[in-house]
């Protein structure tokens, strides 16, 4: 028993000496106060909005949009492109009642092309037909205009709806030579919406 008591006393004494010889630990630093700025709030990351393309010019006061359009054939696409787009991957949005001026050029050095606005149906038409709005087409829509030709037209987007802006030369639209035109009753200005292609 006395031996056991001595061990206990020694153990206690050893622990006390060890505690005294240990370097003092500093208290943990207080947490920084929360940042009151709006950036510190858990808001979603900003989404970059592309600037309007230089081929679309808006005059909101006059309720007019001017489009500079060009058909080109880079050779590595299934069809010619309209301002670099095809198969509906771009949509031109125009408010109802706005005037649309377009300046168009056939930049394809090998093939005739045209443009015509047509009401969207279940299927892309074989060739250009009656335009959805008066004057909403280039000359000779089904024959097309020769390489290097230009044309101008003006029409009023007087009715809301979904339309194709397509090449009227037979089979060109079927191959993908078209973009969308949306005449939107809720739009406040004209703009272009580009569909982001999903990565495969």
Protein backbone atom coordinates (compact mmCIF):
# COMPACT_ATOMS: atom_id res chain seq x y z
CA UNK A 1 0.00 0.00 0.00
CA UNK A 2 2.68 2.59 0.97
CA UNK A 3 4.44 1.83 -2.33
CA UNK A 4 1.26 2.45 -4.24
CA UNK A 5 0.68 5.74 -2.47
CA UNK A 6 4.22 6.87 -3.31
CA UNK A 7 3.73 6.11 -6.99
CA UNK A 8 0.54 8.09 -7.06
CA UNK A 9 2.17 11.08 -5.38
CA UNK A 10 5.12 10.93 -7.76
CA UNK A 11 2.83 10.69 -10.77
CA UNK A 12 0.87 13.72 -9.64
CA UNK A 13 4.06 15.66 -8.95
CA UNK A 14 5.45 14.73 -12.39
CA UNK A 15 2.30 15.90 -14.15
CA UNK A 16 2.37 19.19 -12.27
CA UNK A 17 6.02 19.82 -13.19
CA UNK A 18 5.34 18.93 -16.83
CA UNK A 19 2.46 21.37 -16.95
CA UNK A 20 4.61 24.16 -15.54
CA UNK A 21 7.49 23.54 -17.91
CA UNK A 22 5.26 23.45 -21.06
CA UNK A 23 5.29 26.70 -23.13
CA UNK A 24 2.09 28.64 -22.76
CA UNK A 25 -0.31 28.34 -25.66
CA UNK A 26 -1.88 31.51 -26.96
CA UNK A 27 -5.64 31.66 -27.14
CA UNK A 28 -7.10 31.22 -30.62
CA UNK A 29 -7.53 34.48 -32.55
CA UNK A 30 -11.11 35.70 -32.69
CA UNK A 31 -12.90 35.07 -35.97
CA UNK A 32 -12.93 38.01 -38.37
CA UNK A 33 -16.23 39.84 -38.49
CA UNK A 34 -18.36 39.06 -41.56
CA UNK A 35 -17.76 41.30 -44.58
CA UNK A 36 -20.79 43.56 -44.88
CA UNK A 37 -20.21 44.25 -48.59
CA UNK A 38 -22.72 42.85 -51.13
CA UNK A 39 -19.92 40.87 -52.78
CA UNK A 40 -19.57 38.81 -49.60
CA UNK A 41 -23.12 37.56 -49.85
CA UNK A 42 -23.66 34.16 -51.41
CA UNK A 43 -24.84 35.51 -54.77
CA UNK A 44 -24.52 33.45 -57.96
CA UNK A 45 -21.48 34.13 -60.10
CA UNK A 46 -22.14 36.78 -62.74
CA UNK A 47 -22.91 35.53 -66.22
CA UNK A 48 -21.14 37.37 -68.99
CA UNK A 49 -23.51 38.87 -71.54
CA UNK A 50 -22.03 39.13 -75.02
CA UNK A 51 -22.14 42.53 -76.64
CA UNK A 52 -24.54 43.03 -79.53
CA UNK A 53 -22.90 42.01 -82.81
CA UNK A 54 -21.72 44.85 -85.02
CA UNK A 55 -24.08 43.69 -87.78
CA UNK A 56 -27.15 44.65 -85.70
CA UNK A 57 -27.77 48.36 -85.10
CA UNK A 58 -30.71 49.46 -82.93
CA UNK A 59 -32.49 52.82 -82.97
CA UNK A 60 -34.95 52.49 -80.09
CA UNK A 61 -36.35 56.01 -80.52
CA UNK A 62 -37.26 55.30 -84.15
CA UNK A 63 -38.24 51.67 -83.33
CA UNK A 64 -35.92 50.48 -86.07
CA UNK A 65 -33.25 47.79 -86.36
CA UNK A 66 -30.75 47.60 -89.23
CA UNK A 67 -29.24 44.22 -90.10
CA UNK A 68 -26.12 43.81 -92.22
CA UNK A 69 -26.34 40.22 -93.43
CA UNK A 70 -23.98 38.14 -95.54
CA UNK A 71 -24.16 34.62 -96.92
CA UNK A 72 -20.76 32.91 -96.96
CA UNK A 73 -19.49 29.41 -97.60
CA UNK A 74 -16.28 28.62 -95.71
CA UNK A 75 -16.21 25.13 -97.23
CA UNK A 76 -16.05 23.20 -93.97
CA UNK A 77 -19.79 23.36 -93.22
CA UNK A 78 -22.73 21.35 -94.59
CA UNK A 79 -24.27 24.59 -95.87
CA UNK A 80 -23.54 28.24 -96.42
CA UNK A 81 -23.66 30.46 -93.33
CA UNK A 82 -25.67 33.59 -92.59
CA UNK A 83 -23.38 35.90 -90.63
CA UNK A 84 -21.44 32.87 -89.44
CA UNK A 85 -24.53 30.93 -88.31
CA UNK A 86 -26.58 28.05 -89.66
CA UNK A 87 -29.40 25.64 -88.77
CA UNK A 88 -31.05 28.01 -86.30
CA UNK A 89 -28.07 28.43 -83.99
CA UNK A 90 -28.77 32.18 -83.94
CA UNK A 91 -32.04 33.96 -83.30
CA UNK A 92 -32.74 37.59 -84.20
CA UNK A 93 -35.32 39.06 -81.81
CA UNK A 94 -37.33 42.10 -82.89
CA UNK A 95 -40.17 43.81 -81.01
CA UNK A 96 -43.58 43.77 -82.70
CA UNK A 97 -44.19 46.83 -84.85
CA UNK A 98 -40.52 47.67 -85.39
CA UNK A 99 -39.12 48.41 -88.83
CA UNK A 100 -36.40 46.10 -90.08
CA UNK A 101 -33.87 47.40 -92.60
CA UNK A 102 -31.52 44.85 -94.01
CA UNK A 103 -28.46 45.15 -96.19
CA UNK A 104 -27.48 41.79 -97.65
CA UNK A 105 -24.51 40.51 -99.61
CA UNK A 106 -23.81 37.15 -101.24
CA UNK A 107 -20.24 36.54 -100.11
CA UNK A 108 -20.15 33.00 -101.49
CA UNK A 109 -17.89 32.98 -104.55
CA UNK A 110 -19.36 29.79 -106.00
CA UNK A 111 -23.14 29.73 -105.54
CA UNK A 112 -26.24 31.96 -105.76
CA UNK A 113 -28.08 32.75 -102.53
CA UNK A 114 -31.07 34.76 -101.32
CA UNK A 115 -32.92 35.57 -98.12
CA UNK A 116 -36.61 35.40 -97.32
CA UNK A 117 -38.59 35.58 -94.06
CA UNK A 118 -41.11 32.73 -93.82
CA UNK A 119 -43.49 31.57 -91.08
CA UNK A 120 -42.16 28.56 -89.22
CA UNK A 121 -44.08 25.37 -89.92
CA UNK A 122 -43.44 21.74 -89.05
CA UNK A 123 -40.73 21.37 -91.70
CA UNK A 124 -38.18 23.61 -93.38
CA UNK A 125 -39.45 24.34 -96.91
CA UNK A 126 -37.72 22.99 -100.00
CA UNK A 127 -37.41 26.53 -101.38
CA UNK A 128 -38.36 30.10 -100.63
CA UNK A 129 -41.99 31.07 -100.93
CA UNK A 130 -44.27 33.92 -100.02
CA UNK A 131 -42.61 36.16 -97.41
CA UNK A 132 -44.29 36.53 -94.02
CA UNK A 133 -44.15 40.34 -94.29
CA UNK A 134 -44.37 42.60 -97.31
CA UNK A 135 -40.86 43.12 -98.81
CA UNK A 136 -39.23 40.65 -96.38
CA UNK A 137 -37.07 39.04 -99.06
CA UNK A 138 -34.25 39.68 -101.49
CA UNK A 139 -34.88 39.78 -105.23
CA UNK A 140 -35.32 36.47 -107.08
CA UNK A 141 -35.65 34.40 -103.92
CA UNK A 142 -35.68 30.99 -105.58
CA UNK A 143 -33.11 31.72 -108.29
CA UNK A 144 -30.82 33.56 -105.90
CA UNK A 145 -28.43 36.40 -106.56
CA UNK A 146 -25.03 35.75 -108.09
CA UNK A 147 -21.80 35.81 -106.06
CA UNK A 148 -20.86 39.32 -104.97
CA UNK A 149 -24.41 40.67 -105.45
CA UNK A 150 -26.02 42.89 -102.84
CA UNK A 151 -29.60 43.81 -102.02
CA UNK A 152 -31.51 45.99 -99.58
CA UNK A 153 -35.03 45.83 -98.26
CA UNK A 154 -37.23 47.25 -95.51
CA UNK A 155 -40.22 45.67 -93.85
CA UNK A 156 -42.34 46.13 -90.74
CA UNK A 157 -42.47 43.23 -88.27
CA UNK A 158 -46.18 43.79 -87.76
CA UNK A 159 -47.15 40.38 -86.39
CA UNK A 160 -45.73 38.41 -83.46
CA UNK A 161 -44.50 34.91 -84.12
CA UNK A 162 -41.66 32.58 -85.01
CA UNK A 163 -40.11 32.83 -88.47
CA UNK A 164 -37.25 31.47 -90.53
CA UNK A 165 -34.80 33.82 -92.20
CA UNK A 166 -33.65 31.41 -94.87
CA UNK A 167 -32.06 31.07 -98.28
CA UNK A 168 -34.83 30.58 -100.83
CA UNK A 169 -32.69 28.74 -103.42
CA UNK A 170 -34.00 25.15 -103.65
CA UNK A 171 -32.58 22.81 -100.97
CA UNK A 172 -30.31 25.44 -99.42
CA UNK A 173 -32.50 25.84 -96.32
CA UNK A 174 -32.87 22.06 -96.03
CA UNK A 175 -29.08 21.88 -95.82
CA UNK A 176 -29.11 24.34 -92.91
CA UNK A 177 -28.89 27.79 -94.47
CA UNK A 178 -31.27 29.53 -92.07
CA UNK A 179 -31.47 31.39 -88.77
CA UNK A 180 -34.50 32.22 -86.65
CA UNK A 181 -36.41 35.47 -86.47
CA UNK A 182 -38.57 36.01 -83.40
CA UNK A 183 -41.02 38.91 -83.49
CA UNK A 184 -41.66 39.26 -79.79
CA UNK A 185 -44.58 41.19 -78.24
CA UNK A 186 -42.68 41.46 -74.94
CA UNK A 187 -39.29 42.54 -76.29
CA UNK A 188 -38.18 46.09 -75.54
CA UNK A 189 -35.35 46.15 -78.06
CA UNK A 190 -33.81 44.08 -80.84
CA UNK A 191 -31.03 41.64 -80.08
CA UNK A 192 -29.37 38.43 -81.18
CA UNK A 193 -29.47 35.23 -79.13
CA UNK A 194 -26.86 32.59 -79.98
CA UNK A 195 -27.46 29.01 -78.96
CA UNK A 196 -24.51 27.54 -77.07
CA UNK A 197 -23.49 24.21 -78.52
CA UNK A 198 -23.10 21.49 -75.90
CA UNK A 199 -19.69 19.86 -75.69
CA UNK A 200 -19.68 16.22 -76.67
